[in-house]
Amino acid sequence: MKIQSVLIGFLAASISGQVLAQDDATADELNDQLAYATSIIAPALTELCMPLVPTYPTELDASFQEWLTRNRESIDRGKQMEISHLWPGKTIGEFEQLTIEATRDSFNAGTDDQRRERCNGTLMLLSSDAGAGGV
């Protein structure tokens, strides 16, 4: 449970602040946005996690496609929500790139133990049947 809480906090911090700035967002909307962010972040963590968790790429391959299939609707709703909140002139591709960069920065700012926990937490989330955001 602690790892899921840490991962959710990590994902929330990785999403350029837009999710958290929406006072009227429901739990389902936040879950959708976290699912969308996870769909971007989990593969981006591969290079970062491999030195700390050598099995990360293999474990990601084993669970990511099934997780995507299981959460496709939630991911799509989260993406549409982000598109609706983009600043004028910005693209969803730019948002995704900023999310990956923020994730890298946040990851690199942590200790090895914190990074390892993030990697393992991501893998646990993807292999869980708990739902899109693991909440």
N, C-alpha and C. Protein backbone atom coordinates (compact mmCIF):
# COMPACT_ATOMS: atom_id res chain seq x y z
N MET A 1 0.82 -1.19 0.00
CA MET A 1 0.00 0.00 0.00
C MET A 1 0.87 1.25 0.00
N LYS A 2 1.98 1.23 0.77
CA LYS A 2 2.87 2.39 0.82
C LYS A 2 3.45 2.68 -0.55
N ILE A 3 3.84 1.63 -1.28
CA ILE A 3 4.43 1.83 -2.60
C ILE A 3 3.41 2.45 -3.54
N GLN A 4 2.15 1.99 -3.48
CA GLN A 4 1.12 2.57 -4.34
C GLN A 4 0.92 4.05 -4.01
N SER A 5 0.95 4.40 -2.73
CA SER A 5 0.79 5.80 -2.34
C SER A 5 1.94 6.64 -2.86
N VAL A 6 3.15 6.11 -2.75
CA VAL A 6 4.33 6.82 -3.24
C VAL A 6 4.23 6.98 -4.75
N LEU A 7 3.84 5.90 -5.44
CA LEU A 7 3.73 5.97 -6.89
C LEU A 7 2.67 6.97 -7.32
N ILE A 8 1.55 6.97 -6.66
CA ILE A 8 0.48 7.92 -7.01
C ILE A 8 0.97 9.34 -6.80
N GLY A 9 1.67 9.58 -5.69
CA GLY A 9 2.24 10.91 -5.46
C GLY A 9 3.24 11.29 -6.53
N PHE A 10 4.06 10.33 -6.90
CA PHE A 10 5.05 10.55 -7.95
C PHE A 10 4.38 10.89 -9.28
N LEU A 11 3.37 10.12 -9.63
CA LEU A 11 2.67 10.37 -10.89
C LEU A 11 1.96 11.72 -10.87
N ALA A 12 1.33 12.03 -9.76
CA ALA A 12 0.64 13.31 -9.65
C ALA A 12 1.62 14.47 -9.81
N ALA A 13 2.78 14.35 -9.21
CA ALA A 13 3.78 15.41 -9.32
C ALA A 13 4.35 15.50 -10.72
N SER A 14 4.29 14.41 -11.45
CA SER A 14 4.86 14.38 -12.80
C SER A 14 3.96 15.02 -13.84
N ILE A 15 2.73 15.26 -13.51
CA ILE A 15 1.77 15.76 -14.49
C ILE A 15 1.71 17.28 -14.42
N SER A 16 2.66 17.97 -14.89
CA SER A 16 2.73 19.42 -15.05
C SER A 16 1.79 20.28 -14.21
N GLY A 17 1.28 19.79 -13.13
CA GLY A 17 0.46 20.60 -12.24
C GLY A 17 -0.96 20.81 -12.69
N GLN A 18 -1.31 20.45 -13.92
CA GLN A 18 -2.65 20.71 -14.42
C GLN A 18 -3.71 19.92 -13.67
N VAL A 19 -3.43 18.66 -13.39
CA VAL A 19 -4.41 17.82 -12.70
C VAL A 19 -4.72 18.40 -11.33
N LEU A 20 -3.68 18.75 -10.61
CA LEU A 20 -3.87 19.21 -9.25
C LEU A 20 -4.48 20.61 -9.18
N ALA A 21 -4.40 21.36 -10.25
CA ALA A 21 -4.95 22.70 -10.28
C ALA A 21 -6.46 22.71 -10.48
N GLN A 22 -7.03 21.58 -10.79
CA GLN A 22 -8.46 21.51 -11.06
C GLN A 22 -9.20 21.18 -9.78
N ASP A 23 -9.76 22.18 -9.14
CA ASP A 23 -10.44 21.98 -7.87
C ASP A 23 -11.67 21.10 -7.99
N ASP A 24 -12.31 21.11 -9.15
CA ASP A 24 -13.55 20.38 -9.29
C ASP A 24 -13.37 18.99 -9.90
N ALA A 25 -12.14 18.52 -10.03
CA ALA A 25 -11.89 17.20 -10.60
C ALA A 25 -12.38 16.12 -9.63
N THR A 26 -13.08 15.14 -10.17
CA THR A 26 -13.57 14.04 -9.36
C THR A 26 -12.49 12.97 -9.23
N ALA A 27 -12.71 12.03 -8.34
CA ALA A 27 -11.76 10.93 -8.16
C ALA A 27 -11.62 10.13 -9.45
N ASP A 28 -12.73 9.92 -10.17
CA ASP A 28 -12.66 9.19 -11.43
C ASP A 28 -11.84 9.95 -12.47
N GLU A 29 -12.01 11.27 -12.51
CA GLU A 29 -11.23 12.08 -13.46
C GLU A 29 -9.74 12.04 -13.13
N LEU A 30 -9.43 12.13 -11.85
CA LEU A 30 -8.03 12.04 -11.44
C LEU A 30 -7.46 10.67 -11.76
N ASN A 31 -8.24 9.62 -11.54
CA ASN A 31 -7.82 8.27 -11.85
C ASN A 31 -7.55 8.13 -13.35
N ASP A 32 -8.41 8.73 -14.18
CA ASP A 32 -8.21 8.70 -15.63
C ASP A 32 -6.92 9.43 -16.01
N GLN A 33 -6.69 10.58 -15.41
CA GLN A 33 -5.47 11.33 -15.73
C GLN A 33 -4.23 10.58 -15.25
N LEU A 34 -4.31 9.93 -14.10
CA LEU A 34 -3.18 9.13 -13.62
C LEU A 34 -2.94 7.93 -14.52
N ALA A 35 -4.01 7.33 -15.03
CA ALA A 35 -3.85 6.20 -15.95
C ALA A 35 -3.16 6.67 -17.23
N TYR A 36 -3.57 7.82 -17.74
CA TYR A 36 -2.94 8.37 -18.94
C TYR A 36 -1.46 8.66 -18.67
N ALA A 37 -1.18 9.29 -17.54
CA ALA A 37 0.22 9.59 -17.20
C ALA A 37 1.04 8.31 -17.06
N THR A 38 0.47 7.31 -16.42
CA THR A 38 1.17 6.03 -16.27
C THR A 38 1.49 5.42 -17.61
N SER A 39 0.58 5.56 -18.58
CA SER A 39 0.81 5.00 -19.91
C SER A 39 2.00 5.66 -20.61
N ILE A 40 2.32 6.88 -20.21
CA ILE A 40 3.46 7.61 -20.77
C ILE A 40 4.72 7.33 -19.96
N ILE A 41 4.57 7.35 -18.64
CA ILE A 41 5.71 7.29 -17.73
C ILE A 41 6.33 5.90 -17.62
N ALA A 42 5.51 4.86 -17.54
CA ALA A 42 6.04 3.51 -17.31
C ALA A 42 7.10 3.12 -18.34
N PRO A 43 6.83 3.30 -19.64
CA PRO A 43 7.88 2.95 -20.62
C PRO A 43 9.09 3.89 -20.53
N ALA A 44 8.84 5.16 -20.20
CA ALA A 44 9.94 6.13 -20.11
C ALA A 44 10.89 5.81 -18.96
N LEU A 45 10.41 5.10 -17.97
CA LEU A 45 11.25 4.74 -16.82
C LEU A 45 12.22 3.61 -17.12
N THR A 46 12.06 2.93 -18.23
CA THR A 46 12.88 1.75 -18.53
C THR A 46 14.37 2.03 -18.39
N GLU A 47 14.87 3.02 -19.08
CA GLU A 47 16.31 3.31 -19.02
C GLU A 47 16.75 3.76 -17.63
N LEU A 48 15.87 4.48 -16.93
CA LEU A 48 16.21 4.96 -15.60
C LEU A 48 16.21 3.83 -14.57
N CYS A 49 15.29 2.90 -14.72
CA CYS A 49 15.15 1.83 -13.73
C CYS A 49 16.11 0.66 -13.94
N MET A 50 16.53 0.43 -15.17
CA MET A 50 17.34 -0.74 -15.47
C MET A 50 18.58 -0.89 -14.59
N PRO A 51 19.33 0.17 -14.29
CA PRO A 51 20.50 -0.02 -13.42
C PRO A 51 20.14 -0.42 -11.99
N LEU A 52 18.97 -0.03 -11.52
CA LEU A 52 18.55 -0.32 -10.14
C LEU A 52 17.72 -1.59 -10.04
N VAL A 53 16.91 -1.83 -11.06
CA VAL A 53 16.04 -3.01 -11.10
C VAL A 53 16.26 -3.65 -12.48
N PRO A 54 17.27 -4.49 -12.60
CA PRO A 54 17.63 -5.05 -13.90
C PRO A 54 16.49 -5.79 -14.61
N THR A 55 15.50 -6.26 -13.85
CA THR A 55 14.39 -6.98 -14.45
C THR A 55 13.26 -6.05 -14.93
N TYR A 56 13.42 -4.75 -14.73
CA TYR A 56 12.34 -3.80 -15.08
C TYR A 56 11.86 -3.98 -16.52
N PRO A 57 12.75 -4.00 -17.53
CA PRO A 57 12.25 -4.13 -18.91
C PRO A 57 11.45 -5.42 -19.14
N THR A 58 11.93 -6.51 -18.59
CA THR A 58 11.25 -7.79 -18.76
C THR A 58 9.89 -7.78 -18.06
N GLU A 59 9.87 -7.28 -16.83
CA GLU A 59 8.62 -7.23 -16.09
C GLU A 59 7.64 -6.25 -16.73
N LEU A 60 8.15 -5.14 -17.25
CA LEU A 60 7.29 -4.17 -17.94
C LEU A 60 6.67 -4.83 -19.17
N ASP A 61 7.50 -5.52 -19.96
CA ASP A 61 6.98 -6.21 -21.14
C ASP A 61 5.91 -7.22 -20.78
N ALA A 62 6.08 -7.88 -19.65
CA ALA A 62 5.14 -8.93 -19.24
C ALA A 62 3.77 -8.38 -18.82
N SER A 63 3.71 -7.14 -18.35
CA SER A 63 2.44 -6.65 -17.82
C SER A 63 1.88 -5.41 -18.51
N PHE A 64 2.70 -4.65 -19.23
CA PHE A 64 2.27 -3.35 -19.73
C PHE A 64 1.15 -3.46 -20.77
N GLN A 65 1.26 -4.35 -21.73
CA GLN A 65 0.23 -4.45 -22.77
C GLN A 65 -1.12 -4.87 -22.18
N GLU A 66 -1.08 -5.81 -21.25
CA GLU A 66 -2.33 -6.23 -20.59
C GLU A 66 -2.92 -5.07 -19.79
N TRP A 67 -2.06 -4.32 -19.09
CA TRP A 67 -2.52 -3.17 -18.32
C TRP A 67 -3.14 -2.12 -19.26
N LEU A 68 -2.48 -1.87 -20.40
CA LEU A 68 -3.03 -0.91 -21.37
C LEU A 68 -4.42 -1.35 -21.84
N THR A 69 -4.55 -2.61 -22.17
CA THR A 69 -5.84 -3.14 -22.64
C THR A 69 -6.90 -3.00 -21.56
N ARG A 70 -6.54 -3.37 -20.33
CA ARG A 70 -7.47 -3.31 -19.20
C ARG A 70 -7.92 -1.88 -18.90
N ASN A 71 -7.06 -0.91 -19.16
CA ASN A 71 -7.32 0.48 -18.77
C ASN A 71 -7.49 1.43 -19.96
N ARG A 72 -7.69 0.89 -21.15
CA ARG A 72 -7.75 1.71 -22.37
C ARG A 72 -8.76 2.84 -22.26
N GLU A 73 -9.95 2.56 -21.80
CA GLU A 73 -10.98 3.60 -21.73
C GLU A 73 -10.58 4.71 -20.77
N SER A 74 -10.04 4.34 -19.63
CA SER A 74 -9.60 5.33 -18.65
C SER A 74 -8.45 6.17 -19.21
N ILE A 75 -7.51 5.53 -19.87
CA ILE A 75 -6.38 6.24 -20.48
C ILE A 75 -6.89 7.23 -21.53
N ASP A 76 -7.81 6.78 -22.36
CA ASP A 76 -8.36 7.65 -23.40
C ASP A 76 -9.10 8.85 -22.81
N ARG A 77 -9.87 8.61 -21.75
CA ARG A 77 -10.57 9.73 -21.09
C ARG A 77 -9.56 10.71 -20.49
N GLY A 78 -8.51 10.18 -19.86
CA GLY A 78 -7.48 11.03 -19.28
C GLY A 78 -6.77 11.86 -20.34
N LYS A 79 -6.49 11.24 -21.48
CA LYS A 79 -5.83 11.98 -22.56
C LYS A 79 -6.75 13.09 -23.08
N GLN A 80 -8.01 12.77 -23.27
CA GLN A 80 -8.96 13.79 -23.75
C GLN A 80 -9.08 14.93 -22.75
N MET A 81 -9.04 14.60 -21.47
CA MET A 81 -9.11 15.64 -20.45
C MET A 81 -7.88 16.55 -20.54
N GLU A 82 -6.70 15.95 -20.72
CA GLU A 82 -5.48 16.76 -20.86
C GLU A 82 -5.55 17.62 -22.11
N ILE A 83 -6.04 17.07 -23.20
CA ILE A 83 -6.17 17.84 -24.44
C ILE A 83 -7.07 19.06 -24.21
N SER A 84 -8.14 18.85 -23.45
CA SER A 84 -9.07 19.96 -23.21
C SER A 84 -8.47 21.05 -22.32
N HIS A 85 -7.39 20.73 -21.60
CA HIS A 85 -6.77 21.70 -20.70
C HIS A 85 -5.43 22.24 -21.22
N LEU A 86 -5.09 21.92 -22.46
CA LEU A 86 -3.82 22.41 -23.00
C LEU A 86 -3.85 23.93 -23.14
N TRP A 87 -2.71 24.53 -22.91
CA TRP A 87 -2.58 25.95 -23.16
C TRP A 87 -2.67 26.20 -24.65
N PRO A 88 -3.18 27.36 -25.06
CA PRO A 88 -3.28 27.67 -26.49
C PRO A 88 -1.91 27.51 -27.17
N GLY A 89 -1.93 26.85 -28.31
CA GLY A 89 -0.71 26.66 -29.08
C GLY A 89 0.12 25.46 -28.67
N LYS A 90 -0.26 24.78 -27.59
CA LYS A 90 0.47 23.60 -27.13
C LYS A 90 -0.18 22.33 -27.67
N THR A 91 0.61 21.31 -27.86
CA THR A 91 0.09 20.05 -28.38
C THR A 91 0.17 18.97 -27.30
N ILE A 92 -0.58 17.90 -27.52
CA ILE A 92 -0.54 16.79 -26.58
C ILE A 92 0.84 16.14 -26.60
N GLY A 93 1.49 16.15 -27.74
CA GLY A 93 2.86 15.63 -27.83
C GLY A 93 3.82 16.41 -26.95
N GLU A 94 3.65 17.73 -26.92
CA GLU A 94 4.50 18.55 -26.05
C GLU A 94 4.21 18.26 -24.58
N PHE A 95 2.93 18.08 -24.25
CA PHE A 95 2.55 17.73 -22.88
C PHE A 95 3.21 16.41 -22.48
N GLU A 96 3.13 15.42 -23.36
CA GLU A 96 3.73 14.12 -23.06
C GLU A 96 5.24 14.24 -22.86
N GLN A 97 5.89 15.02 -23.71
CA GLN A 97 7.34 15.20 -23.57
C GLN A 97 7.68 15.89 -22.26
N LEU A 98 6.93 16.91 -21.89
CA LEU A 98 7.14 17.59 -20.61
C LEU A 98 6.91 16.65 -19.43
N THR A 99 5.93 15.78 -19.55
CA THR A 99 5.66 14.80 -18.50
C THR A 99 6.84 13.85 -18.34
N ILE A 100 7.39 13.39 -19.44
CA ILE A 100 8.57 12.51 -19.39
C ILE A 100 9.76 13.24 -18.79
N GLU A 101 9.98 14.48 -19.21
CA GLU A 101 11.11 15.26 -18.66
C GLU A 101 10.94 15.51 -17.17
N ALA A 102 9.72 15.84 -16.73
CA ALA A 102 9.47 16.06 -15.30
C ALA A 102 9.67 14.77 -14.52
N THR A 103 9.29 13.66 -15.11
CA THR A 103 9.49 12.37 -14.48
C THR A 103 10.98 12.08 -14.31
N ARG A 104 11.75 12.31 -15.37
CA ARG A 104 13.21 12.10 -15.29
C ARG A 104 13.83 12.98 -14.20
N ASP A 105 13.44 14.25 -14.19
CA ASP A 105 13.99 15.18 -13.20
C ASP A 105 13.65 14.73 -11.78
N SER A 106 12.40 14.38 -11.57
CA SER A 106 11.96 13.94 -10.25
C SER A 106 12.66 12.64 -9.86
N PHE A 107 12.78 11.73 -10.78
CA PHE A 107 13.44 10.45 -10.53
C PHE A 107 14.90 10.68 -10.15
N ASN A 108 15.59 11.49 -10.93
CA ASN A 108 17.02 11.73 -10.69
C ASN A 108 17.28 12.50 -9.40
N ALA A 109 16.29 13.19 -8.90
CA ALA A 109 16.45 13.93 -7.64
C ALA A 109 16.35 13.03 -6.41
N GLY A 110 15.88 11.80 -6.61
CA GLY A 110 15.70 10.89 -5.48
C GLY A 110 16.96 10.10 -5.16
N THR A 111 16.93 9.46 -4.01
CA THR A 111 18.02 8.56 -3.62
C THR A 111 17.84 7.24 -4.38
N ASP A 112 18.86 6.40 -4.33
CA ASP A 112 18.74 5.09 -4.98
C ASP A 112 17.57 4.30 -4.42
N ASP A 113 17.37 4.36 -3.12
CA ASP A 113 16.24 3.64 -2.51
C ASP A 113 14.90 4.19 -3.01
N GLN A 114 14.78 5.51 -3.09
CA GLN A 114 13.54 6.11 -3.59
C GLN A 114 13.32 5.75 -5.06
N ARG A 115 14.37 5.76 -5.84
CA ARG A 115 14.25 5.40 -7.26
C ARG A 115 13.84 3.95 -7.42
N ARG A 116 14.49 3.07 -6.66
CA ARG A 116 14.16 1.65 -6.71
C ARG A 116 12.69 1.44 -6.32
N GLU A 117 12.24 2.17 -5.31
CA GLU A 117 10.84 2.07 -4.87
C GLU A 117 9.89 2.54 -5.98
N ARG A 118 10.25 3.59 -6.68
CA ARG A 118 9.42 4.07 -7.80
C ARG A 118 9.33 3.02 -8.90
N CYS A 119 10.47 2.43 -9.22
CA CYS A 119 10.50 1.40 -10.27
C CYS A 119 9.63 0.21 -9.88
N ASN A 120 9.84 -0.29 -8.68
CA ASN A 120 9.07 -1.44 -8.21
C ASN A 120 7.59 -1.09 -8.04
N GLY A 121 7.31 0.13 -7.61
CA GLY A 121 5.92 0.57 -7.47
C GLY A 121 5.21 0.63 -8.81
N THR A 122 5.91 1.09 -9.83
CA THR A 122 5.33 1.13 -11.17
C THR A 122 5.01 -0.28 -11.65
N LEU A 123 5.95 -1.19 -11.45
CA LEU A 123 5.73 -2.58 -11.86
C LEU A 123 4.56 -3.20 -11.10
N MET A 124 4.47 -2.91 -9.80
CA MET A 124 3.36 -3.44 -9.00
C MET A 124 2.02 -2.89 -9.50
N LEU A 125 2.00 -1.60 -9.80
CA LEU A 125 0.77 -0.98 -10.30
C LEU A 125 0.32 -1.63 -11.60
N LEU A 126 1.25 -1.86 -12.50
CA LEU A 126 0.92 -2.43 -13.80
C LEU A 126 0.45 -3.88 -13.70
N SER A 127 0.94 -4.59 -12.72
CA SER A 127 0.54 -6.00 -12.57
C SER A 127 -0.68 -6.17 -11.70
N SER A 128 -1.16 -5.07 -11.11
CA SER A 128 -2.32 -5.12 -10.21
C SER A 128 -3.62 -5.07 -11.00
N ASP A 129 -4.62 -5.71 -10.46
CA ASP A 129 -5.97 -5.62 -11.02
C ASP A 129 -6.80 -4.55 -10.33
N ALA A 130 -6.14 -3.71 -9.53
CA ALA A 130 -6.85 -2.74 -8.68
C ALA A 130 -7.53 -1.64 -9.48
N GLY A 131 -7.12 -1.42 -10.71
CA GLY A 131 -7.73 -0.36 -11.50
C GLY A 131 -6.67 0.47 -12.15
N ALA A 132 -7.11 1.47 -12.89
CA ALA A 132 -6.21 2.28 -13.70
C ALA A 132 -5.15 3.00 -12.90
N GLY A 133 -5.55 3.65 -11.83
CA GLY A 133 -4.60 4.42 -11.07
C GLY A 133 -4.07 3.72 -9.84
N GLY A 134 -4.52 2.51 -9.60
CA GLY A 134 -4.07 1.76 -8.45
C GLY A 134 -4.64 2.26 -7.14
N VAL A 135 -5.67 3.08 -7.22
CA VAL A 135 -6.23 3.64 -6.01
C VAL A 135 -7.28 2.74 -5.45
